[in-house]
Amino acid sequence: MALFFDFLQFFDQITVEIPDKMEYNDTREIKGGPAVLNIVLVEPEIPQNTGNIARTCAATRSRLHLIKPLGFDISEKAVRRAGLDYWNMVDLQVYEGLDHFFEVNPAPDLWLATTKAPRDYTQAVFRDNCWLFFGKETAGLPEGFRRQYPGRCIRIPMRPDARSLNLANSVAVLTYEALRQLDFPGLSGEGEMAEKGRSQVL
């Protein structure tokens, strides 16, 4: 039990860095190499989801963009704990709103994840350095924003009486589909199995 609390205290000490000034970065260089994808969360509300998504971004060399208002403070313990010690691998950008985002990032190659979309994500053609947008947990992406890009709205198939998937799960599904189409650039596709008779913690 003491080890568990030491573990939590370690992650509570992690700091999440937010740049003072946003600038469009067409070099796409992030920590550890070139950015492959851009994950954009519009007004996320639940800190644990954002922390989990940050870990996904770190593992996939994706840049994480948060658009205010946020339902939490980015320095909250719940955010840091969910992201574990991957935060130092995340390239994080925070914007005051959608208008601010598009001022900084002109004409992005974007896709909008929404349950309202008429087609599923397998019909989309994802290109290198594209932008995947996800809305808040309780309401999704703003209707006005969706209507601006009707041909760029995609959904994840699910049973008709299910409202939606968890936000972090949705991000993982679309992120890895985009990476699959791009042949997982810069990512390791091979692991090493444990020797016979020896256990291995994954």
N, C-alpha and C. Protein backbone atom coordinates (compact mmCIF):
# COMPACT_ATOMS: atom_id res chain seq x y z
N MET A 1 0.83 -1.21 0.00
CA MET A 1 0.00 0.00 0.00
C MET A 1 0.87 1.26 0.00
N ALA A 2 1.95 1.23 0.80
CA ALA A 2 2.85 2.38 0.84
C ALA A 2 3.46 2.64 -0.53
N LEU A 3 3.80 1.55 -1.25
CA LEU A 3 4.38 1.70 -2.59
C LEU A 3 3.38 2.36 -3.53
N PHE A 4 2.10 2.01 -3.38
CA PHE A 4 1.06 2.60 -4.23
C PHE A 4 0.97 4.10 -4.02
N PHE A 5 0.99 4.54 -2.76
CA PHE A 5 0.90 5.97 -2.48
C PHE A 5 2.16 6.71 -2.93
N ASP A 6 3.32 6.06 -2.83
CA ASP A 6 4.54 6.66 -3.36
C ASP A 6 4.43 6.85 -4.87
N PHE A 7 3.80 5.88 -5.52
CA PHE A 7 3.57 5.93 -6.96
C PHE A 7 2.71 7.13 -7.33
N LEU A 8 1.63 7.36 -6.58
CA LEU A 8 0.75 8.49 -6.85
C LEU A 8 1.45 9.82 -6.59
N GLN A 9 2.23 9.88 -5.51
CA GLN A 9 2.93 11.12 -5.19
C GLN A 9 3.94 11.47 -6.28
N PHE A 10 4.53 10.46 -6.90
CA PHE A 10 5.47 10.72 -8.00
C PHE A 10 4.78 11.43 -9.15
N PHE A 11 3.59 10.95 -9.54
CA PHE A 11 2.88 11.55 -10.67
C PHE A 11 2.27 12.90 -10.30
N ASP A 12 1.97 13.10 -9.02
CA ASP A 12 1.44 14.40 -8.60
C ASP A 12 2.48 15.50 -8.76
N GLN A 13 3.75 15.14 -8.80
CA GLN A 13 4.82 16.12 -8.92
C GLN A 13 5.13 16.48 -10.37
N ILE A 14 4.53 15.77 -11.31
CA ILE A 14 4.78 16.03 -12.72
C ILE A 14 4.16 17.38 -13.10
N THR A 15 4.88 18.18 -13.84
CA THR A 15 4.36 19.46 -14.31
C THR A 15 4.00 19.35 -15.79
N VAL A 16 2.91 20.01 -16.16
CA VAL A 16 2.47 20.03 -17.55
C VAL A 16 2.79 21.40 -18.12
N GLU A 17 3.65 21.45 -19.13
CA GLU A 17 4.08 22.71 -19.70
C GLU A 17 3.13 23.19 -20.79
N ILE A 18 2.73 24.46 -20.72
CA ILE A 18 1.90 25.08 -21.74
C ILE A 18 2.68 26.25 -22.33
N PRO A 19 2.88 26.29 -23.65
CA PRO A 19 3.64 27.39 -24.24
C PRO A 19 2.96 28.73 -24.03
N ASP A 20 3.77 29.78 -23.85
CA ASP A 20 3.22 31.12 -23.63
C ASP A 20 2.58 31.69 -24.89
N LYS A 21 3.09 31.32 -26.04
CA LYS A 21 2.60 31.89 -27.28
C LYS A 21 2.40 30.79 -28.32
N MET A 22 1.23 30.80 -28.99
CA MET A 22 0.96 29.82 -30.02
C MET A 22 1.44 30.35 -31.37
N GLU A 23 2.16 29.53 -32.09
CA GLU A 23 2.58 29.89 -33.44
C GLU A 23 2.40 28.68 -34.34
N TYR A 24 1.98 28.94 -35.58
CA TYR A 24 1.82 27.84 -36.53
C TYR A 24 3.17 27.19 -36.80
N ASN A 25 3.23 25.87 -36.69
CA ASN A 25 4.49 25.15 -36.83
C ASN A 25 4.40 24.22 -38.03
N ASP A 26 4.87 24.69 -39.19
CA ASP A 26 4.77 23.86 -40.38
C ASP A 26 5.92 22.88 -40.51
N THR A 27 6.89 22.93 -39.59
CA THR A 27 7.97 21.95 -39.60
C THR A 27 7.51 20.64 -38.99
N ARG A 28 6.47 20.69 -38.19
CA ARG A 28 5.87 19.51 -37.59
C ARG A 28 6.79 18.76 -36.65
N GLU A 29 7.87 19.38 -36.21
CA GLU A 29 8.77 18.72 -35.28
C GLU A 29 8.21 18.79 -33.86
N ILE A 30 8.15 17.66 -33.19
CA ILE A 30 7.74 17.61 -31.80
C ILE A 30 8.81 16.85 -31.03
N LYS A 31 8.59 16.68 -29.75
CA LYS A 31 9.55 15.97 -28.92
C LYS A 31 9.70 14.53 -29.40
N GLY A 32 10.90 14.15 -29.80
CA GLY A 32 11.15 12.79 -30.22
C GLY A 32 11.08 12.57 -31.72
N GLY A 33 10.73 13.59 -32.51
CA GLY A 33 10.67 13.42 -33.95
C GLY A 33 9.51 14.18 -34.56
N PRO A 34 9.26 13.98 -35.85
CA PRO A 34 8.20 14.72 -36.53
C PRO A 34 6.81 14.29 -36.08
N ALA A 35 5.89 15.25 -36.02
CA ALA A 35 4.51 14.93 -35.66
C ALA A 35 3.86 14.17 -36.80
N VAL A 36 3.06 13.17 -36.47
CA VAL A 36 2.36 12.39 -37.48
C VAL A 36 0.92 12.86 -37.61
N LEU A 37 0.27 13.10 -36.46
CA LEU A 37 -1.13 13.53 -36.44
C LEU A 37 -1.29 14.67 -35.44
N ASN A 38 -2.43 15.34 -35.55
CA ASN A 38 -2.82 16.38 -34.59
C ASN A 38 -4.17 15.99 -33.99
N ILE A 39 -4.22 15.85 -32.68
CA ILE A 39 -5.46 15.52 -31.98
C ILE A 39 -5.98 16.80 -31.33
N VAL A 40 -7.21 17.17 -31.67
CA VAL A 40 -7.79 18.42 -31.19
C VAL A 40 -9.01 18.11 -30.33
N LEU A 41 -8.98 18.52 -29.06
CA LEU A 41 -10.11 18.34 -28.15
C LEU A 41 -10.78 19.69 -27.97
N VAL A 42 -12.05 19.78 -28.37
CA VAL A 42 -12.80 21.02 -28.26
C VAL A 42 -13.59 21.03 -26.96
N GLU A 43 -13.19 21.86 -26.04
CA GLU A 43 -13.87 22.04 -24.75
C GLU A 43 -14.00 20.74 -23.95
N PRO A 44 -12.93 19.98 -23.78
CA PRO A 44 -13.02 18.74 -22.99
C PRO A 44 -13.39 19.05 -21.55
N GLU A 45 -14.12 18.12 -20.92
CA GLU A 45 -14.66 18.36 -19.58
C GLU A 45 -14.08 17.48 -18.49
N ILE A 46 -13.64 16.28 -18.83
CA ILE A 46 -13.22 15.31 -17.82
C ILE A 46 -11.70 15.16 -17.85
N PRO A 47 -11.02 15.51 -16.76
CA PRO A 47 -9.55 15.50 -16.76
C PRO A 47 -8.93 14.15 -17.04
N GLN A 48 -9.55 13.08 -16.53
CA GLN A 48 -8.97 11.75 -16.75
C GLN A 48 -8.94 11.39 -18.23
N ASN A 49 -9.98 11.79 -18.97
CA ASN A 49 -9.99 11.52 -20.40
C ASN A 49 -8.84 12.23 -21.10
N THR A 50 -8.66 13.51 -20.78
CA THR A 50 -7.59 14.27 -21.41
C THR A 50 -6.22 13.69 -21.05
N GLY A 51 -6.06 13.25 -19.82
CA GLY A 51 -4.80 12.62 -19.43
C GLY A 51 -4.54 11.34 -20.21
N ASN A 52 -5.57 10.52 -20.38
CA ASN A 52 -5.42 9.29 -21.16
C ASN A 52 -5.09 9.60 -22.61
N ILE A 53 -5.73 10.62 -23.16
CA ILE A 53 -5.48 11.01 -24.55
C ILE A 53 -4.06 11.54 -24.70
N ALA A 54 -3.57 12.25 -23.71
CA ALA A 54 -2.19 12.72 -23.75
C ALA A 54 -1.22 11.55 -23.85
N ARG A 55 -1.51 10.48 -23.14
CA ARG A 55 -0.65 9.29 -23.21
C ARG A 55 -0.69 8.67 -24.60
N THR A 56 -1.89 8.63 -25.21
CA THR A 56 -2.01 8.14 -26.58
C THR A 56 -1.20 9.01 -27.54
N CYS A 57 -1.28 10.32 -27.35
CA CYS A 57 -0.52 11.23 -28.21
C CYS A 57 0.98 11.01 -28.06
N ALA A 58 1.42 10.80 -26.84
CA ALA A 58 2.85 10.56 -26.60
C ALA A 58 3.31 9.29 -27.31
N ALA A 59 2.50 8.24 -27.23
CA ALA A 59 2.88 6.95 -27.81
C ALA A 59 2.84 6.95 -29.33
N THR A 60 2.08 7.87 -29.92
CA THR A 60 1.90 7.88 -31.37
C THR A 60 2.54 9.07 -32.07
N ARG A 61 3.31 9.86 -31.34
CA ARG A 61 3.94 11.07 -31.90
C ARG A 61 2.90 12.03 -32.46
N SER A 62 1.80 12.15 -31.77
CA SER A 62 0.74 13.08 -32.19
C SER A 62 0.78 14.33 -31.32
N ARG A 63 0.54 15.46 -31.92
CA ARG A 63 0.49 16.72 -31.17
C ARG A 63 -0.92 16.88 -30.58
N LEU A 64 -1.01 17.33 -29.32
CA LEU A 64 -2.29 17.49 -28.63
C LEU A 64 -2.67 18.96 -28.56
N HIS A 65 -3.88 19.28 -29.01
CA HIS A 65 -4.40 20.65 -28.99
C HIS A 65 -5.67 20.68 -28.14
N LEU A 66 -5.73 21.59 -27.18
CA LEU A 66 -6.91 21.76 -26.33
C LEU A 66 -7.52 23.13 -26.60
N ILE A 67 -8.83 23.14 -26.84
CA ILE A 67 -9.53 24.39 -27.12
C ILE A 67 -10.44 24.73 -25.94
N LYS A 68 -10.24 25.89 -25.35
CA LYS A 68 -11.03 26.33 -24.20
C LYS A 68 -12.45 26.71 -24.61
N PRO A 69 -13.37 26.73 -23.60
CA PRO A 69 -13.13 26.52 -22.17
C PRO A 69 -12.92 25.05 -21.83
N LEU A 70 -12.05 24.80 -20.86
CA LEU A 70 -11.81 23.45 -20.37
C LEU A 70 -12.62 23.22 -19.11
N GLY A 71 -13.03 21.99 -18.87
CA GLY A 71 -13.79 21.68 -17.68
C GLY A 71 -12.92 21.40 -16.48
N PHE A 72 -11.65 21.73 -16.55
CA PHE A 72 -10.69 21.44 -15.49
C PHE A 72 -9.48 22.33 -15.68
N ASP A 73 -8.62 22.35 -14.67
CA ASP A 73 -7.34 23.03 -14.78
C ASP A 73 -6.31 22.01 -15.25
N ILE A 74 -5.53 22.36 -16.25
CA ILE A 74 -4.58 21.41 -16.83
C ILE A 74 -3.57 20.92 -15.81
N SER A 75 -3.42 21.63 -14.70
CA SER A 75 -2.46 21.22 -13.67
C SER A 75 -3.08 20.29 -12.64
N GLU A 76 -4.37 19.95 -12.78
CA GLU A 76 -5.03 19.09 -11.80
C GLU A 76 -4.35 17.73 -11.70
N LYS A 77 -4.39 17.15 -10.48
CA LYS A 77 -3.77 15.85 -10.25
C LYS A 77 -4.38 14.78 -11.15
N ALA A 78 -5.69 14.84 -11.38
CA ALA A 78 -6.35 13.82 -12.18
C ALA A 78 -5.81 13.79 -13.60
N VAL A 79 -5.49 14.96 -14.14
CA VAL A 79 -4.92 15.03 -15.49
C VAL A 79 -3.53 14.42 -15.51
N ARG A 80 -2.72 14.80 -14.54
CA ARG A 80 -1.33 14.33 -14.50
C ARG A 80 -1.27 12.82 -14.26
N ARG A 81 -2.12 12.33 -13.35
CA ARG A 81 -2.09 10.90 -13.04
C ARG A 81 -2.51 10.06 -14.24
N ALA A 82 -3.54 10.51 -14.96
CA ALA A 82 -4.03 9.74 -16.10
C ALA A 82 -2.98 9.68 -17.21
N GLY A 83 -2.20 10.75 -17.34
CA GLY A 83 -1.16 10.77 -18.35
C GLY A 83 0.14 10.12 -17.91
N LEU A 84 0.19 9.72 -16.62
CA LEU A 84 1.39 9.11 -16.04
C LEU A 84 2.62 9.98 -16.32
N ASP A 85 3.75 9.34 -16.59
CA ASP A 85 4.98 10.10 -16.83
C ASP A 85 5.21 10.35 -18.32
N TYR A 86 4.13 10.29 -19.11
CA TYR A 86 4.23 10.54 -20.54
C TYR A 86 4.10 12.02 -20.89
N TRP A 87 3.75 12.85 -19.92
CA TRP A 87 3.52 14.26 -20.22
C TRP A 87 4.75 14.94 -20.81
N ASN A 88 5.94 14.51 -20.40
CA ASN A 88 7.14 15.16 -20.94
C ASN A 88 7.41 14.77 -22.39
N MET A 89 6.59 13.85 -22.94
CA MET A 89 6.70 13.46 -24.34
C MET A 89 5.61 14.10 -25.20
N VAL A 90 4.74 14.88 -24.57
CA VAL A 90 3.59 15.44 -25.27
C VAL A 90 3.86 16.88 -25.71
N ASP A 91 3.58 17.16 -26.98
CA ASP A 91 3.62 18.53 -27.47
C ASP A 91 2.21 19.09 -27.32
N LEU A 92 2.02 19.97 -26.35
CA LEU A 92 0.69 20.47 -25.98
C LEU A 92 0.50 21.92 -26.42
N GLN A 93 -0.64 22.19 -27.06
CA GLN A 93 -1.01 23.55 -27.45
C GLN A 93 -2.41 23.83 -26.89
N VAL A 94 -2.61 25.00 -26.32
CA VAL A 94 -3.91 25.38 -25.74
C VAL A 94 -4.37 26.68 -26.38
N TYR A 95 -5.65 26.74 -26.75
CA TYR A 95 -6.21 27.90 -27.45
C TYR A 95 -7.40 28.46 -26.68
N GLU A 96 -7.67 29.74 -26.87
CA GLU A 96 -8.76 30.41 -26.16
C GLU A 96 -10.12 30.05 -26.73
N GLY A 97 -10.19 29.54 -27.93
CA GLY A 97 -11.44 29.15 -28.56
C GLY A 97 -11.18 28.71 -29.99
N LEU A 98 -12.25 28.33 -30.72
CA LEU A 98 -12.08 27.88 -32.09
C LEU A 98 -11.51 28.98 -32.99
N ASP A 99 -11.97 30.21 -32.79
CA ASP A 99 -11.45 31.32 -33.60
C ASP A 99 -9.94 31.46 -33.43
N HIS A 100 -9.50 31.38 -32.19
CA HIS A 100 -8.06 31.47 -31.91
C HIS A 100 -7.32 30.31 -32.57
N PHE A 101 -7.91 29.13 -32.52
CA PHE A 101 -7.27 27.96 -33.13
C PHE A 101 -7.02 28.19 -34.62
N PHE A 102 -8.05 28.66 -35.34
CA PHE A 102 -7.91 28.82 -36.78
C PHE A 102 -7.04 30.02 -37.15
N GLU A 103 -6.88 30.96 -36.23
CA GLU A 103 -5.92 32.04 -36.46
C GLU A 103 -4.50 31.50 -36.46
N VAL A 104 -4.25 30.55 -35.58
CA VAL A 104 -2.91 29.99 -35.43
C VAL A 104 -2.64 28.90 -36.46
N ASN A 105 -3.68 28.14 -36.82
CA ASN A 105 -3.53 27.00 -37.72
C ASN A 105 -4.42 27.17 -38.95
N PRO A 106 -3.98 27.90 -39.95
CA PRO A 106 -4.81 28.16 -41.13
C PRO A 106 -4.98 26.92 -42.00
N ALA A 107 -6.22 26.72 -42.45
CA ALA A 107 -6.55 25.67 -43.44
C ALA A 107 -6.00 24.29 -43.11
N PRO A 108 -6.29 23.76 -41.93
CA PRO A 108 -5.80 22.41 -41.62
C PRO A 108 -6.59 21.34 -42.37
N ASP A 109 -5.95 20.21 -42.63
CA ASP A 109 -6.61 19.06 -43.24
C ASP A 109 -7.35 18.33 -42.11
N LEU A 110 -8.61 18.69 -41.90
CA LEU A 110 -9.30 18.24 -40.69
C LEU A 110 -10.37 17.18 -40.94
N TRP A 111 -10.64 16.43 -39.87
CA TRP A 111 -11.74 15.47 -39.80
C TRP A 111 -12.44 15.65 -38.47
N LEU A 112 -13.78 15.60 -38.48
CA LEU A 112 -14.58 15.84 -37.28
C LEU A 112 -15.25 14.55 -36.84
N ALA A 113 -14.95 14.10 -35.65
CA ALA A 113 -15.58 12.90 -35.11
C ALA A 113 -16.90 13.28 -34.44
N THR A 114 -18.00 12.71 -34.94
CA THR A 114 -19.31 13.03 -34.39
C THR A 114 -20.29 11.90 -34.64
N THR A 115 -21.15 11.63 -33.68
CA THR A 115 -22.17 10.60 -33.85
C THR A 115 -23.21 11.02 -34.88
N LYS A 116 -23.23 12.29 -35.27
CA LYS A 116 -24.20 12.80 -36.24
C LYS A 116 -23.77 12.57 -37.69
N ALA A 117 -22.56 12.08 -37.90
CA ALA A 117 -22.03 11.93 -39.26
C ALA A 117 -22.76 10.84 -40.04
N PRO A 118 -22.93 11.02 -41.35
CA PRO A 118 -23.61 10.03 -42.18
C PRO A 118 -22.72 8.86 -42.61
N ARG A 119 -21.41 8.95 -42.42
CA ARG A 119 -20.52 7.87 -42.83
C ARG A 119 -19.52 7.55 -41.73
N ASP A 120 -18.97 6.32 -41.79
CA ASP A 120 -18.06 5.93 -40.72
C ASP A 120 -16.61 6.24 -41.09
N TYR A 121 -15.75 6.13 -40.10
CA TYR A 121 -14.36 6.58 -40.25
C TYR A 121 -13.55 5.75 -41.23
N THR A 122 -14.00 4.52 -41.55
CA THR A 122 -13.25 3.69 -42.49
C THR A 122 -13.33 4.23 -43.91
N GLN A 123 -14.26 5.14 -44.17
CA GLN A 123 -14.39 5.73 -45.51
C GLN A 123 -13.53 6.98 -45.68
N ALA A 124 -12.91 7.42 -44.61
CA ALA A 124 -12.06 8.61 -44.68
C ALA A 124 -10.66 8.22 -45.16
N VAL A 125 -10.03 9.13 -45.88
CA VAL A 125 -8.64 8.96 -46.30
C VAL A 125 -7.79 9.93 -45.49
N PHE A 126 -7.06 9.40 -44.53
CA PHE A 126 -6.25 10.22 -43.64
C PHE A 126 -4.87 10.45 -44.25
N ARG A 127 -4.44 11.69 -44.21
CA ARG A 127 -3.12 12.04 -44.74
C ARG A 127 -2.18 12.44 -43.61
N ASP A 128 -0.91 12.39 -43.91
CA ASP A 128 0.11 12.77 -42.94
C ASP A 128 -0.15 14.17 -42.41
N ASN A 129 -0.05 14.31 -41.10
CA ASN A 129 -0.23 15.60 -40.41
C ASN A 129 -1.66 16.14 -40.48
N CYS A 130 -2.65 15.25 -40.60
CA CYS A 130 -4.04 15.70 -40.58
C CYS A 130 -4.47 16.00 -39.14
N TRP A 131 -5.65 16.58 -39.02
CA TRP A 131 -6.15 17.05 -37.72
C TRP A 131 -7.46 16.35 -37.40
N LEU A 132 -7.52 15.67 -36.27
CA LEU A 132 -8.72 14.95 -35.84
C LEU A 132 -9.37 15.71 -34.69
N PHE A 133 -10.61 16.16 -34.91
CA PHE A 133 -11.33 16.96 -33.93
C PHE A 133 -12.33 16.10 -33.16
N PHE A 134 -12.38 16.32 -31.83
CA PHE A 134 -13.32 15.63 -30.95
C PHE A 134 -13.97 16.65 -30.03
N GLY A 135 -15.27 16.48 -29.78
CA GLY A 135 -16.00 17.43 -28.95
C GLY A 135 -16.04 17.05 -27.49
N LYS A 136 -16.69 17.88 -26.71
CA LYS A 136 -16.82 17.65 -25.26
C LYS A 136 -17.62 16.39 -24.98
N GLU A 137 -17.40 15.82 -23.80
CA GLU A 137 -18.02 14.55 -23.44
C GLU A 137 -19.54 14.61 -23.41
N THR A 138 -20.12 15.71 -22.99
CA THR A 138 -21.58 15.78 -22.80
C THR A 138 -22.35 16.22 -24.04
N ALA A 139 -21.68 16.85 -25.00
CA ALA A 139 -22.43 17.41 -26.14
C ALA A 139 -21.76 17.23 -27.49
N GLY A 140 -20.53 16.79 -27.52
CA GLY A 140 -19.85 16.63 -28.80
C GLY A 140 -19.40 17.97 -29.38
N LEU A 141 -19.16 17.99 -30.67
CA LEU A 141 -18.72 19.21 -31.35
C LEU A 141 -19.89 20.16 -31.56
N PRO A 142 -19.66 21.47 -31.53
CA PRO A 142 -20.74 22.44 -31.75
C PRO A 142 -21.40 22.23 -33.11
N GLU A 143 -22.73 22.35 -33.15
CA GLU A 143 -23.47 22.12 -34.39
C GLU A 143 -23.02 23.05 -35.51
N GLY A 144 -22.82 24.32 -35.19
CA GLY A 144 -22.40 25.28 -36.20
C GLY A 144 -21.06 24.90 -36.81
N PHE A 145 -20.17 24.38 -36.00
CA PHE A 145 -18.86 23.96 -36.49
C PHE A 145 -19.01 22.75 -37.41
N ARG A 146 -19.84 21.79 -37.01
CA ARG A 146 -20.06 20.60 -37.84
C ARG A 146 -20.63 20.98 -39.20
N ARG A 147 -21.55 21.92 -39.21
CA ARG A 147 -22.21 22.30 -40.47
C ARG A 147 -21.25 22.97 -41.45
N GLN A 148 -20.16 23.51 -40.95
CA GLN A 148 -19.18 24.12 -41.85
C GLN A 148 -18.39 23.08 -42.64
N TYR A 149 -18.34 21.84 -42.12
CA TYR A 149 -17.53 20.80 -42.76
C TYR A 149 -18.32 19.49 -42.88
N PRO A 150 -19.47 19.51 -43.58
CA PRO A 150 -20.30 18.30 -43.65
C PRO A 150 -19.60 17.11 -44.29
N GLY A 151 -18.74 17.36 -45.25
CA GLY A 151 -18.04 16.28 -45.91
C GLY A 151 -16.86 15.73 -45.14
N ARG A 152 -16.57 16.35 -44.00
CA ARG A 152 -15.44 15.93 -43.18
C ARG A 152 -15.88 15.34 -41.84
N CYS A 153 -17.16 15.07 -41.70
CA CYS A 153 -17.69 14.48 -40.46
C CYS A 153 -17.71 12.96 -40.58
N ILE A 154 -17.18 12.29 -39.59
CA ILE A 154 -17.13 10.82 -39.59
C ILE A 154 -17.56 10.30 -38.22
N ARG A 155 -18.05 9.08 -38.21
CA ARG A 155 -18.52 8.49 -36.96
C ARG A 155 -17.89 7.12 -36.75
N ILE A 156 -17.95 6.66 -35.51
CA ILE A 156 -17.53 5.30 -35.17
C ILE A 156 -18.80 4.47 -35.04
N PRO A 157 -18.96 3.38 -35.80
CA PRO A 157 -20.18 2.58 -35.74
C PRO A 157 -20.43 2.03 -34.33
N MET A 158 -21.69 2.02 -33.95
CA MET A 158 -22.09 1.45 -32.65
C MET A 158 -23.58 1.11 -32.71
N ARG A 159 -24.08 0.43 -31.73
CA ARG A 159 -25.49 0.05 -31.72
C ARG A 159 -26.36 1.30 -31.65
N PRO A 160 -27.55 1.27 -32.26
CA PRO A 160 -28.38 2.46 -32.37
C PRO A 160 -28.79 3.08 -31.04
N ASP A 161 -28.94 2.28 -30.00
CA ASP A 161 -29.40 2.83 -28.73
C ASP A 161 -28.26 3.24 -27.80
N ALA A 162 -27.03 3.24 -28.30
CA ALA A 162 -25.88 3.73 -27.52
C ALA A 162 -25.60 5.17 -27.91
N ARG A 163 -25.44 6.04 -26.92
CA ARG A 163 -25.26 7.47 -27.22
C ARG A 163 -23.89 7.75 -27.83
N SER A 164 -22.86 7.20 -27.22
CA SER A 164 -21.52 7.49 -27.71
C SER A 164 -20.52 6.60 -26.99
N LEU A 165 -19.29 6.60 -27.49
CA LEU A 165 -18.19 5.94 -26.81
C LEU A 165 -17.49 6.93 -25.88
N ASN A 166 -16.69 6.42 -24.98
CA ASN A 166 -15.86 7.28 -24.15
C ASN A 166 -14.92 8.09 -25.04
N LEU A 167 -14.69 9.34 -24.68
CA LEU A 167 -13.87 10.23 -25.51
C LEU A 167 -12.47 9.68 -25.75
N ALA A 168 -11.81 9.22 -24.69
CA ALA A 168 -10.45 8.71 -24.85
C ALA A 168 -10.42 7.48 -25.75
N ASN A 169 -11.45 6.63 -25.65
CA ASN A 169 -11.52 5.46 -26.52
C ASN A 169 -11.74 5.87 -27.97
N SER A 170 -12.59 6.86 -28.19
CA SER A 170 -12.85 7.35 -29.55
C SER A 170 -11.58 7.89 -30.19
N VAL A 171 -10.81 8.65 -29.41
CA VAL A 171 -9.55 9.19 -29.92
C VAL A 171 -8.61 8.06 -30.31
N ALA A 172 -8.53 7.04 -29.49
CA ALA A 172 -7.63 5.91 -29.78
C ALA A 172 -8.05 5.19 -31.06
N VAL A 173 -9.35 4.97 -31.24
CA VAL A 173 -9.84 4.28 -32.44
C VAL A 173 -9.44 5.03 -33.71
N LEU A 174 -9.75 6.32 -33.77
CA LEU A 174 -9.47 7.09 -34.98
C LEU A 174 -7.97 7.32 -35.17
N THR A 175 -7.26 7.53 -34.08
CA THR A 175 -5.82 7.74 -34.19
C THR A 175 -5.14 6.54 -34.82
N TYR A 176 -5.48 5.36 -34.36
CA TYR A 176 -4.81 4.18 -34.90
C TYR A 176 -5.30 3.79 -36.28
N GLU A 177 -6.52 4.15 -36.64
CA GLU A 177 -6.95 3.95 -38.03
C GLU A 177 -6.16 4.86 -38.96
N ALA A 178 -6.00 6.12 -38.56
CA ALA A 178 -5.20 7.05 -39.37
C ALA A 178 -3.76 6.56 -39.49
N LEU A 179 -3.19 6.10 -38.40
CA LEU A 179 -1.82 5.60 -38.43
C LEU A 179 -1.69 4.34 -39.27
N ARG A 180 -2.71 3.48 -39.22
CA ARG A 180 -2.69 2.27 -40.05
C ARG A 180 -2.64 2.64 -41.53
N GLN A 181 -3.47 3.62 -41.91
CA GLN A 181 -3.47 4.04 -43.31
C GLN A 181 -2.13 4.63 -43.72
N LEU A 182 -1.44 5.24 -42.77
CA LEU A 182 -0.14 5.85 -43.05
C LEU A 182 1.03 4.89 -42.84
N ASP A 183 0.70 3.63 -42.52
CA ASP A 183 1.69 2.58 -42.28
C ASP A 183 2.53 2.84 -41.03
N PHE A 184 1.90 3.41 -40.01
CA PHE A 184 2.51 3.60 -38.70
C PHE A 184 3.91 4.24 -38.78
N PRO A 185 4.02 5.41 -39.37
CA PRO A 185 5.33 6.03 -39.55
C PRO A 185 6.03 6.35 -38.23
N GLY A 186 7.28 5.94 -38.12
CA GLY A 186 8.09 6.24 -36.95
C GLY A 186 7.74 5.45 -35.71
N LEU A 187 6.83 4.48 -35.82
CA LEU A 187 6.41 3.70 -34.67
C LEU A 187 6.94 2.27 -34.76
N SER A 188 7.17 1.68 -33.63
CA SER A 188 7.68 0.32 -33.58
C SER A 188 6.55 -0.67 -33.81
N GLY A 189 6.72 -1.55 -34.79
CA GLY A 189 5.71 -2.55 -35.09
C GLY A 189 6.05 -3.93 -34.61
N GLU A 190 7.16 -4.06 -33.90
CA GLU A 190 7.60 -5.36 -33.43
C GLU A 190 7.91 -5.32 -31.94
N GLY A 191 7.59 -6.40 -31.27
CA GLY A 191 7.92 -6.54 -29.86
C GLY A 191 8.79 -7.76 -29.66
N GLU A 192 9.06 -8.08 -28.41
CA GLU A 192 9.89 -9.25 -28.11
C GLU A 192 9.18 -10.10 -27.07
N MET A 193 8.91 -11.35 -27.43
CA MET A 193 8.23 -12.26 -26.53
C MET A 193 9.19 -12.74 -25.44
N ALA A 194 8.62 -13.05 -24.27
CA ALA A 194 9.44 -13.57 -23.18
C ALA A 194 9.94 -14.97 -23.52
N GLU A 195 11.10 -15.32 -23.00
CA GLU A 195 11.63 -16.65 -23.23
C GLU A 195 10.74 -17.68 -22.58
N LYS A 196 10.71 -18.87 -23.14
CA LYS A 196 9.88 -19.95 -22.61
C LYS A 196 10.22 -20.23 -21.16
N GLY A 197 9.18 -20.30 -20.35
CA GLY A 197 9.37 -20.60 -18.94
C GLY A 197 9.58 -19.39 -18.07
N ARG A 198 9.68 -18.21 -18.70
CA ARG A 198 9.87 -16.98 -17.92
C ARG A 198 8.66 -16.08 -18.10
N SER A 199 8.25 -15.43 -17.03
CA SER A 199 7.12 -14.52 -17.09
C SER A 199 7.61 -13.14 -17.49
N GLN A 200 6.72 -12.37 -18.07
CA GLN A 200 7.07 -11.01 -18.49
C GLN A 200 5.89 -10.10 -18.24
N VAL A 201 6.14 -8.98 -17.58
CA VAL A 201 5.09 -8.00 -17.33
C VAL A 201 5.01 -7.07 -18.53
N LEU A 202 3.81 -6.94 -19.12
CA LEU A 202 3.62 -6.10 -20.29
C LEU A 202 3.22 -4.71 -19.87
